[in-house]
Amino acid sequence: MSKLRRISVLLFAALPVFGQAEGNLLDEIVVTAVKQEQSIREVASSISTLTAEDLQTISHVHITEALRRVAGVWISRGNGQEHLTAIRSPVLTGAGSCGAYLMMQDGISLRAPGFCNVNELFESSSELVERIEVLKGPGSDIYGSNALHGAINVITPAIDPGLNRVRFEAGPYDYFRTRYSFSGESFRLDASGTTDGGYKDDSGFDQHKLLLRYQHPKATTTLSYTNLNQETAGFIRGEEVYKDSGSKRDNPNPEAYRDARSFRLISEIQGQLGQGKVIWKPYLRSVGMTFLQHFLPGQAIEENGHDSIGLQSIWTNAKGNLRAGLEMEYTQAYLKEIQSNAIEGSAFLEETIPPGKHYDYDVDAQLMGVFVRREFAASDQLSITAGLRFQHTRYNYDNR
């Protein structure tokens, strides 16, 4: 059993951009900076957006094709739908590489805190969303410790009465994708199905995504589902092997695969509390993944997943310069790793990575966080924002 408490304090100043006429500034509305709608001109943080028009023009097959257009962000594409992330940082790999960034859909993290995956953006509905917002730099007073380098938030599309659209795409290497969107007065459906034969031998993926949205005057509920079945290709090795054009489609790991699915149900309820406005966000989350670790000695198979229930709330005063929030989440998670065959290698590897069960545990996690943020107008051209957050996390492991 372990406990973790974090207190973060954030203080920064926002200055307007001089030399640009006020009338030329677009009054774009973003939601990621403070978990609710705010004019981008009032945001002290560095934030960039990809609009619906941008995403339709890009029509990305992999998330890197969209986010490479955001300054300070680099998504390194792996095989299939895999990736590594950098937001004003090195491209981080290994343990902790996903914990430095917060990946969200409609303001709710794609995975529970402490259970992230480096490739988790493929569990978002990025091909179907209305907008992607990228917060660059720390946002820990609002979001917690995972937003160390920044956050990526995909925003699902709003109701659009009369919408009825279908798209078909085709490309080389047996690539096909179908997308369908339909919207009534209070209901919207978005779905996509993709198949890709892969550039390398014995590679490719099938991916399916679904979004359902129900709109009520004071509440919005969104259901999302994703499924990925991927045949993963490994990297070719050897000195100057890149010069051998005949090897570029070779797959040294034809047995590698990754199967992943995710389900999320999020409601957003708006109301009044005292003289201010309050937003409540209850949610359910379920994710699961199985993959062959072809990149490690022994090539063990890992199964992981978790189910979560949580609640977020944020209150804003009438002037809009004081915000306070509460987060609660309970998660039941599991991880199992089994290696079928003995390693053929050095004596050290044979002794330290034996065949059989490596990990098999369940873990219950409880998270509670509160934060407050205050904005001060020091002058007509200078504003100061101060934030304070307290977060408590508790884990209870059961090794089997």
Protein backbone atom coordinates (compact mmCIF):
# COMPACT_ATOMS: atom_id res chain seq x y z
CA MET A 1 0.00 0.00 0.00
CA SER A 2 1.35 3.42 -0.85
CA LYS A 3 0.23 7.00 -0.54
CA LEU A 4 1.26 10.05 -2.53
CA ARG A 5 0.47 13.66 -1.80
CA ARG A 6 1.37 16.53 -4.08
CA ILE A 7 1.04 20.26 -3.59
CA SER A 8 1.76 22.45 -6.57
CA VAL A 9 1.88 26.22 -6.81
CA LEU A 10 1.82 28.07 -10.10
CA LEU A 11 2.44 31.78 -10.61
CA PHE A 12 2.82 33.50 -13.94
CA ALA A 13 2.04 36.74 -15.70
CA ALA A 14 0.29 37.35 -18.99
CA LEU A 15 1.20 40.23 -21.27
CA PRO A 16 -0.73 41.15 -24.43
CA VAL A 17 0.94 41.02 -27.83
CA PHE A 18 1.95 44.52 -28.87
CA GLY A 19 2.14 45.73 -32.46
CA GLN A 20 -1.10 43.98 -33.42
CA ALA A 21 -4.37 45.86 -33.63
CA GLU A 22 -6.99 44.77 -31.13
CA GLY A 23 -9.55 44.46 -33.89
CA ASN A 24 -7.41 41.91 -35.73
CA LEU A 25 -7.34 39.46 -32.84
CA LEU A 26 -9.78 36.61 -33.28
CA ASP A 27 -11.88 36.02 -30.18
CA GLU A 28 -11.32 32.24 -30.26
CA ILE A 29 -12.82 30.26 -27.39
CA VAL A 30 -10.82 27.45 -25.76
CA VAL A 31 -11.68 25.12 -22.87
CA THR A 32 -8.41 23.40 -21.92
CA ALA A 33 -6.65 26.22 -20.05
CA VAL A 34 -9.13 26.42 -17.15
CA LYS A 35 -11.50 23.48 -17.83
CA GLN A 36 -14.23 25.79 -19.14
CA GLU A 37 -14.82 28.23 -21.97
CA GLN A 38 -12.45 31.18 -22.05
CA SER A 39 -11.31 33.63 -24.71
CA ILE A 40 -7.85 32.70 -25.93
CA ARG A 41 -6.85 36.36 -25.44
CA GLU A 42 -7.43 35.93 -21.70
CA VAL A 43 -5.32 32.76 -21.39
CA ALA A 44 -1.98 33.30 -19.69
CA SER A 45 -0.70 29.88 -20.80
CA SER A 46 0.58 29.01 -24.26
CA ILE A 47 -2.21 27.17 -26.05
CA SER A 48 -2.71 26.17 -29.69
CA THR A 49 -5.75 24.77 -31.48
CA LEU A 50 -6.50 22.67 -34.52
CA THR A 51 -9.99 23.57 -35.72
CA ALA A 52 -12.59 21.38 -37.42
CA GLU A 53 -11.57 22.91 -40.75
CA ASP A 54 -7.91 22.09 -40.05
CA LEU A 55 -8.73 18.49 -39.17
CA GLN A 56 -10.95 18.02 -42.22
CA THR A 57 -8.19 19.33 -44.49
CA ILE A 58 -5.52 17.15 -42.86
CA SER A 59 -7.76 14.06 -42.60
CA HIS A 60 -5.02 12.40 -40.58
CA VAL A 61 -4.47 8.65 -40.59
CA HIS A 62 -2.06 8.93 -37.65
CA ILE A 63 -2.21 11.58 -34.92
CA THR A 64 1.29 12.81 -35.81
CA GLU A 65 -0.03 14.15 -39.14
CA ALA A 66 -2.26 16.59 -37.24
CA LEU A 67 -0.11 17.57 -34.26
CA ARG A 68 3.06 18.20 -36.27
CA ARG A 69 1.35 21.47 -37.26
CA VAL A 70 1.49 22.72 -33.67
CA ALA A 71 4.63 24.66 -32.75
CA GLY A 72 6.58 23.09 -29.89
CA VAL A 73 4.94 19.68 -30.32
CA TRP A 74 6.45 16.59 -31.90
CA ILE A 75 4.77 13.19 -32.13
CA SER A 76 7.19 10.49 -33.30
CA ARG A 77 5.30 7.91 -35.33
CA GLY A 78 5.88 4.26 -34.56
CA ASN A 79 4.49 1.32 -36.46
CA GLY A 80 0.74 1.14 -36.91
CA GLN A 81 -0.91 3.61 -34.52
CA GLU A 82 1.95 3.78 -32.00
CA HIS A 83 3.76 7.00 -31.11
CA LEU A 84 6.05 8.89 -28.72
CA THR A 85 5.34 12.43 -27.54
CA ALA A 86 7.26 15.66 -26.99
CA ILE A 87 5.73 18.97 -25.87
CA ARG A 88 8.47 21.54 -25.38
CA SER A 89 10.59 18.63 -24.18
CA PRO A 90 12.76 15.77 -25.40
CA VAL A 91 11.00 12.81 -26.99
CA LEU A 92 10.63 10.75 -23.83
CA THR A 93 10.68 6.94 -23.85
CA GLY A 94 10.47 4.19 -21.26
CA ALA A 95 8.98 4.46 -17.80
CA GLY A 96 7.43 7.84 -17.14
CA SER A 97 7.37 8.84 -20.80
CA CYS A 98 3.59 9.13 -20.75
CA GLY A 99 3.29 10.44 -17.20
CA ALA A 100 4.87 13.76 -18.20
CA TYR A 101 1.97 14.60 -20.52
CA LEU A 102 -1.75 14.65 -19.94
CA MET A 103 -3.87 13.22 -22.78
CA MET A 104 -7.59 13.99 -22.54
CA GLN A 105 -10.90 13.75 -24.34
CA ASP A 106 -13.45 16.41 -23.38
CA GLY A 107 -11.30 17.32 -20.40
CA ILE A 108 -11.16 13.79 -18.94
CA SER A 109 -7.86 11.91 -19.06
CA LEU A 110 -7.78 9.02 -21.53
CA ARG A 111 -6.39 6.76 -18.82
CA ALA A 112 -6.46 6.97 -15.05
CA PRO A 113 -3.57 8.81 -13.35
CA GLY A 114 -0.81 6.29 -12.72
CA PHE A 115 -1.99 3.94 -15.49
CA CYS A 116 -1.08 5.81 -18.66
CA ASN A 117 0.36 4.25 -21.81
CA VAL A 118 2.90 5.90 -24.08
CA ASN A 119 0.67 5.26 -27.13
CA GLU A 120 -2.62 6.25 -25.54
CA LEU A 121 -3.60 8.92 -28.09
CA PHE A 122 -4.83 6.13 -30.36
CA GLU A 123 -7.51 5.54 -27.71
CA SER A 124 -8.93 9.01 -28.41
CA SER A 125 -11.50 9.73 -31.12
CA SER A 126 -9.16 12.20 -32.84
CA GLU A 127 -10.37 11.33 -36.36
CA LEU A 128 -13.94 12.30 -35.43
CA VAL A 129 -13.50 15.31 -33.14
CA GLU A 130 -14.32 18.96 -33.67
CA ARG A 131 -11.12 20.45 -32.28
CA ILE A 132 -7.79 19.57 -30.69
CA GLU A 133 -6.29 21.91 -28.10
CA VAL A 134 -2.67 21.71 -26.95
CA LEU A 135 -1.58 23.32 -23.70
CA LYS A 136 2.19 23.84 -23.82
CA GLY A 137 4.02 24.08 -20.52
CA PRO A 138 3.01 23.01 -17.00
CA GLY A 139 -0.64 23.07 -16.03
CA SER A 140 -0.32 21.28 -12.73
CA ASP A 141 -2.52 23.54 -10.61
CA ILE A 142 -5.53 22.73 -12.78
CA TYR A 143 -4.77 19.19 -13.92
CA GLY A 144 -2.29 17.65 -11.49
CA SER A 145 1.18 16.18 -11.86
CA ASN A 146 0.66 14.51 -15.25
CA ALA A 147 0.53 17.89 -17.01
CA LEU A 148 4.24 18.48 -16.33
CA HIS A 149 5.18 19.39 -19.91
CA GLY A 150 1.70 20.05 -21.25
CA ALA A 151 -1.66 18.58 -22.20
CA ILE A 152 -3.49 17.48 -25.34
CA ASN A 153 -7.28 17.68 -25.27
CA VAL A 154 -9.48 16.36 -28.09
CA ILE A 155 -12.94 17.98 -28.15
CA THR A 156 -15.85 15.93 -29.47
CA PRO A 157 -18.21 17.58 -31.99
CA ALA A 158 -21.35 19.48 -31.01
CA ILE A 159 -24.88 18.87 -32.22
CA ASP A 160 -25.33 19.99 -35.85
CA PRO A 161 -29.00 19.53 -36.89
CA GLY A 162 -29.41 18.28 -40.45
CA LEU A 163 -25.92 16.81 -40.72
CA ASN A 164 -25.83 13.57 -42.71
CA ARG A 165 -22.42 12.88 -44.24
CA VAL A 166 -20.45 9.84 -45.33
CA ARG A 167 -16.84 9.75 -46.54
CA PHE A 168 -14.81 7.05 -48.23
CA GLU A 169 -11.02 7.04 -48.51
CA ALA A 170 -8.58 4.67 -50.18
CA GLY A 171 -4.81 4.59 -50.46
CA PRO A 172 -1.80 2.40 -51.16
CA TYR A 173 -1.02 -0.82 -49.26
CA ASP A 174 -4.69 -1.79 -48.93
CA TYR A 175 -5.70 1.30 -46.99
CA PHE A 176 -9.45 2.00 -46.71
CA ARG A 177 -11.42 4.23 -44.34
CA THR A 178 -15.10 5.04 -43.98
CA ARG A 179 -16.49 7.84 -41.81
CA TYR A 180 -20.12 8.63 -41.14
CA SER A 181 -21.74 11.55 -39.27
CA PHE A 182 -25.40 12.14 -38.50
CA SER A 183 -27.02 14.72 -36.23
CA GLY A 184 -30.55 15.53 -35.16
CA GLU A 185 -31.81 18.25 -32.82
CA SER A 186 -30.48 16.59 -29.66
CA PHE A 187 -28.56 13.52 -30.85
CA ARG A 188 -25.37 13.00 -32.86
CA LEU A 189 -23.57 9.93 -34.18
CA ASP A 190 -20.02 9.79 -35.55
CA ALA A 191 -18.31 6.55 -36.58
CA SER A 192 -15.22 5.46 -38.49
CA GLY A 193 -13.74 2.18 -39.66
CA THR A 194 -10.17 1.87 -40.96
CA THR A 195 -8.13 -0.98 -42.39
CA ASP A 196 -4.49 -0.69 -43.42
CA GLY A 197 -2.43 -3.51 -44.93
CA GLY A 198 0.82 -1.91 -43.75
CA TYR A 199 3.95 -0.93 -45.61
CA LYS A 200 6.08 -3.67 -44.06
CA ASP A 201 5.55 -7.39 -44.37
CA ASP A 202 3.02 -8.94 -41.96
CA SER A 203 1.94 -5.56 -40.61
CA GLY A 204 -1.15 -3.36 -40.69
CA PHE A 205 -4.15 -2.62 -38.49
CA ASP A 206 -7.93 -2.52 -38.24
CA GLN A 207 -9.40 0.29 -36.17
CA HIS A 208 -12.98 1.23 -35.26
CA LYS A 209 -14.24 4.32 -33.44
CA LEU A 210 -17.70 5.43 -32.33
CA LEU A 211 -19.05 8.64 -30.79
CA LEU A 212 -22.59 9.18 -29.51
CA ARG A 213 -23.75 12.51 -28.09
CA TYR A 214 -27.01 13.52 -26.42
CA GLN A 215 -27.73 17.19 -25.78
CA HIS A 216 -30.05 18.51 -23.04
CA PRO A 217 -30.46 22.23 -22.25
CA LYS A 218 -28.41 21.86 -19.05
CA ALA A 219 -26.48 18.63 -19.66
CA THR A 220 -24.52 16.90 -22.39
CA THR A 221 -23.65 13.19 -22.40
CA THR A 222 -21.03 11.65 -24.69
CA LEU A 223 -20.23 7.98 -25.19
CA SER A 224 -17.08 6.93 -27.03
CA TYR A 225 -15.71 3.53 -28.00
CA THR A 226 -12.47 2.59 -29.76
CA ASN A 227 -11.04 -0.75 -30.89
CA LEU A 228 -7.61 -1.47 -32.38
CA ASN A 229 -6.30 -4.76 -33.78
CA GLN A 230 -2.73 -4.20 -34.94
CA GLU A 231 -0.09 -6.44 -36.48
CA THR A 232 3.08 -4.67 -35.38
CA ALA A 233 6.29 -4.51 -37.41
CA GLY A 234 9.69 -4.39 -35.71
CA PHE A 235 12.69 -2.30 -36.71
CA ILE A 236 15.34 -3.72 -39.01
CA ARG A 237 18.83 -3.85 -37.50
CA GLY A 238 22.39 -3.94 -38.74
CA GLU A 239 25.24 -1.64 -39.64
CA GLU A 240 24.28 0.67 -42.52
CA VAL A 241 21.21 -1.48 -43.16
CA TYR A 242 19.40 1.67 -44.27
CA LYS A 243 21.44 1.51 -47.48
CA ASP A 244 19.88 -1.82 -48.41
CA SER A 245 16.69 -0.89 -50.28
CA GLY A 246 15.66 -4.53 -50.42
CA SER A 247 15.31 -4.64 -46.60
CA LYS A 248 13.08 -1.61 -46.08
CA ARG A 249 9.90 -3.69 -46.08
CA ASP A 250 11.30 -6.53 -43.97
CA ASN A 251 9.59 -7.23 -40.66
CA PRO A 252 11.88 -9.02 -38.18
CA ASN A 253 8.95 -9.48 -35.76
CA PRO A 254 6.00 -10.88 -37.74
CA GLU A 255 4.60 -12.36 -34.51
CA ALA A 256 4.18 -8.96 -32.83
CA TYR A 257 0.71 -7.53 -32.22
CA ARG A 258 -1.27 -5.03 -30.16
CA ASP A 259 -4.99 -5.27 -29.36
CA ALA A 260 -6.60 -2.39 -27.48
CA ARG A 261 -10.10 -1.19 -26.68
CA SER A 262 -11.52 1.72 -24.71
CA PHE A 263 -14.92 2.93 -23.52
CA ARG A 264 -15.85 6.29 -21.97
CA LEU A 265 -19.10 7.82 -20.80
CA ILE A 266 -18.91 11.50 -19.85
CA SER A 267 -21.69 13.87 -18.77
CA GLU A 268 -21.34 17.62 -18.37
CA ILE A 269 -23.94 19.33 -16.18
CA GLN A 270 -24.03 23.11 -15.79
CA GLY A 271 -25.72 25.06 -13.02
CA GLN A 272 -25.51 27.94 -10.56
CA LEU A 273 -23.88 27.84 -7.13
CA GLY A 274 -24.17 31.02 -5.13
CA GLN A 275 -23.17 33.96 -7.32
CA GLY A 276 -21.09 31.79 -9.61
CA LYS A 277 -21.38 29.10 -12.25
CA VAL A 278 -20.57 25.45 -11.58
CA ILE A 279 -19.85 22.58 -13.98
CA TRP A 280 -20.11 18.93 -12.88
CA LYS A 281 -18.54 16.13 -14.92
CA PRO A 282 -19.28 12.56 -13.77
CA TYR A 283 -17.68 9.89 -15.93
CA LEU A 284 -16.98 6.19 -16.44
CA ARG A 285 -13.87 4.79 -18.12
CA SER A 286 -12.85 1.26 -19.17
CA VAL A 287 -9.69 0.41 -21.11
CA GLY A 288 -7.83 -2.79 -21.89
CA MET A 289 -4.78 -3.76 -23.92
CA THR A 290 -2.84 -6.91 -24.84
CA PHE A 291 0.43 -6.79 -26.75
CA LEU A 292 3.63 -8.70 -27.44
CA GLN A 293 6.74 -6.96 -26.13
CA HIS A 294 8.80 -7.70 -29.23
CA PHE A 295 11.16 -4.85 -28.32
CA LEU A 296 12.36 -6.57 -25.11
CA PRO A 297 14.38 -9.73 -24.48
CA GLY A 298 12.06 -12.68 -23.96
CA GLN A 299 9.14 -11.05 -25.81
CA ALA A 300 6.67 -11.43 -22.96
CA ILE A 301 2.96 -10.83 -23.47
CA GLU A 302 1.46 -8.06 -21.35
CA GLU A 303 -2.22 -7.65 -20.50
CA ASN A 304 -3.30 -4.47 -18.73
CA GLY A 305 -6.46 -2.50 -18.15
CA HIS A 306 -8.58 -0.64 -15.67
CA ASP A 307 -12.12 0.53 -14.91
CA SER A 308 -12.73 3.94 -13.37
CA ILE A 309 -15.53 6.07 -12.00
CA GLY A 310 -14.92 9.72 -11.31
CA LEU A 311 -16.23 13.23 -10.85
CA GLN A 312 -14.79 16.62 -11.75
CA SER A 313 -16.28 19.96 -10.81
CA ILE A 314 -15.23 23.56 -11.25
CA TRP A 315 -16.80 26.72 -9.84
CA THR A 316 -16.25 30.21 -11.23
CA ASN A 317 -17.32 33.44 -9.55
CA ALA A 318 -19.45 36.05 -11.31
CA LYS A 319 -16.42 38.15 -12.29
CA GLY A 320 -14.64 35.15 -13.81
CA ASN A 321 -11.39 35.82 -11.94
CA LEU A 322 -11.67 33.15 -9.23
CA ARG A 323 -11.93 29.41 -9.87
CA ALA A 324 -12.03 26.43 -7.54
CA GLY A 325 -12.28 22.78 -8.42
CA LEU A 326 -12.63 19.27 -7.05
CA GLU A 327 -11.63 15.92 -8.57
CA MET A 328 -12.41 12.42 -7.29
CA GLU A 329 -11.70 9.10 -8.98
CA TYR A 330 -11.72 5.42 -8.05
CA THR A 331 -9.96 2.88 -10.28
CA GLN A 332 -9.66 -0.91 -10.32
CA ALA A 333 -6.71 -1.98 -12.48
CA TYR A 334 -4.76 -5.10 -13.38
CA LEU A 335 -1.55 -6.09 -15.13
CA LYS A 336 -0.26 -9.50 -16.14
CA GLU A 337 2.98 -10.30 -17.96
CA ILE A 338 3.92 -13.83 -19.04
CA GLN A 339 6.97 -15.00 -20.99
CA SER A 340 6.49 -18.27 -22.87
CA ASN A 341 10.03 -19.12 -23.95
CA ALA A 342 13.49 -19.03 -22.41
CA ILE A 343 15.83 -16.28 -23.57
CA GLU A 344 18.68 -17.23 -25.87
CA GLY A 345 21.41 -14.81 -24.93
CA SER A 346 23.88 -13.98 -22.21
CA ALA A 347 23.93 -15.74 -18.86
CA PHE A 348 22.85 -12.49 -17.24
CA LEU A 349 19.67 -12.28 -19.33
CA GLU A 350 18.88 -15.95 -18.82
CA GLU A 351 19.12 -15.54 -15.04
CA THR A 352 17.31 -12.21 -14.71
CA ILE A 353 14.49 -12.72 -17.24
CA PRO A 354 13.29 -16.31 -16.81
CA PRO A 355 10.27 -17.78 -18.61
CA GLY A 356 6.93 -17.86 -16.83
CA LYS A 357 4.97 -15.23 -14.95
CA HIS A 358 6.72 -11.88 -14.46
CA TYR A 359 3.82 -9.82 -13.10
CA ASP A 360 0.29 -10.61 -12.01
CA TYR A 361 -1.38 -8.04 -9.78
CA ASP A 362 -4.55 -6.09 -9.16
CA VAL A 363 -4.50 -2.56 -7.79
CA ASP A 364 -7.17 -0.25 -6.43
CA ALA A 365 -6.42 3.46 -6.74
CA GLN A 366 -8.16 6.41 -5.12
CA LEU A 367 -7.50 10.01 -6.13
CA MET A 368 -8.74 13.24 -4.63
CA GLY A 369 -7.60 16.68 -5.73
CA VAL A 370 -8.66 20.26 -5.02
CA PHE A 371 -7.38 23.45 -6.58
CA VAL A 372 -7.96 27.18 -6.56
CA ARG A 373 -6.83 29.76 -9.11
CA ARG A 374 -7.02 33.56 -8.82
CA GLU A 375 -6.42 36.13 -11.53
CA PHE A 376 -5.34 39.69 -10.73
CA ALA A 377 -5.33 42.67 -13.08
CA ALA A 378 -2.15 44.50 -12.12
CA SER A 379 -2.75 47.07 -14.87
CA ASP A 380 -4.54 47.45 -18.18
CA GLN A 381 -1.67 45.57 -19.84
CA LEU A 382 -0.59 43.10 -17.17
CA SER A 383 -2.44 40.28 -15.44
CA ILE A 384 -1.12 37.89 -12.80
CA THR A 385 -2.44 34.39 -12.22
CA ALA A 386 -1.73 32.34 -9.08
CA GLY A 387 -2.81 28.75 -8.52
CA LEU A 388 -2.63 26.24 -5.69
CA ARG A 389 -3.42 22.50 -5.82
CA PHE A 390 -3.50 19.67 -3.29
CA GLN A 391 -3.69 16.08 -4.53
CA HIS A 392 -3.83 12.80 -2.63
CA THR A 393 -3.41 9.41 -4.31
CA ARG A 394 -3.65 6.01 -2.61
CA TYR A 395 -2.77 2.61 -4.13
CA ASN A 396 -3.63 -0.82 -2.72
CA TYR A 397 -1.82 -3.67 -4.52
CA ASP A 398 -2.69 -7.36 -4.50
CA ASN A 399 0.09 -9.51 -5.98
CA ARG A 400 -1.13 -12.92 -7.11
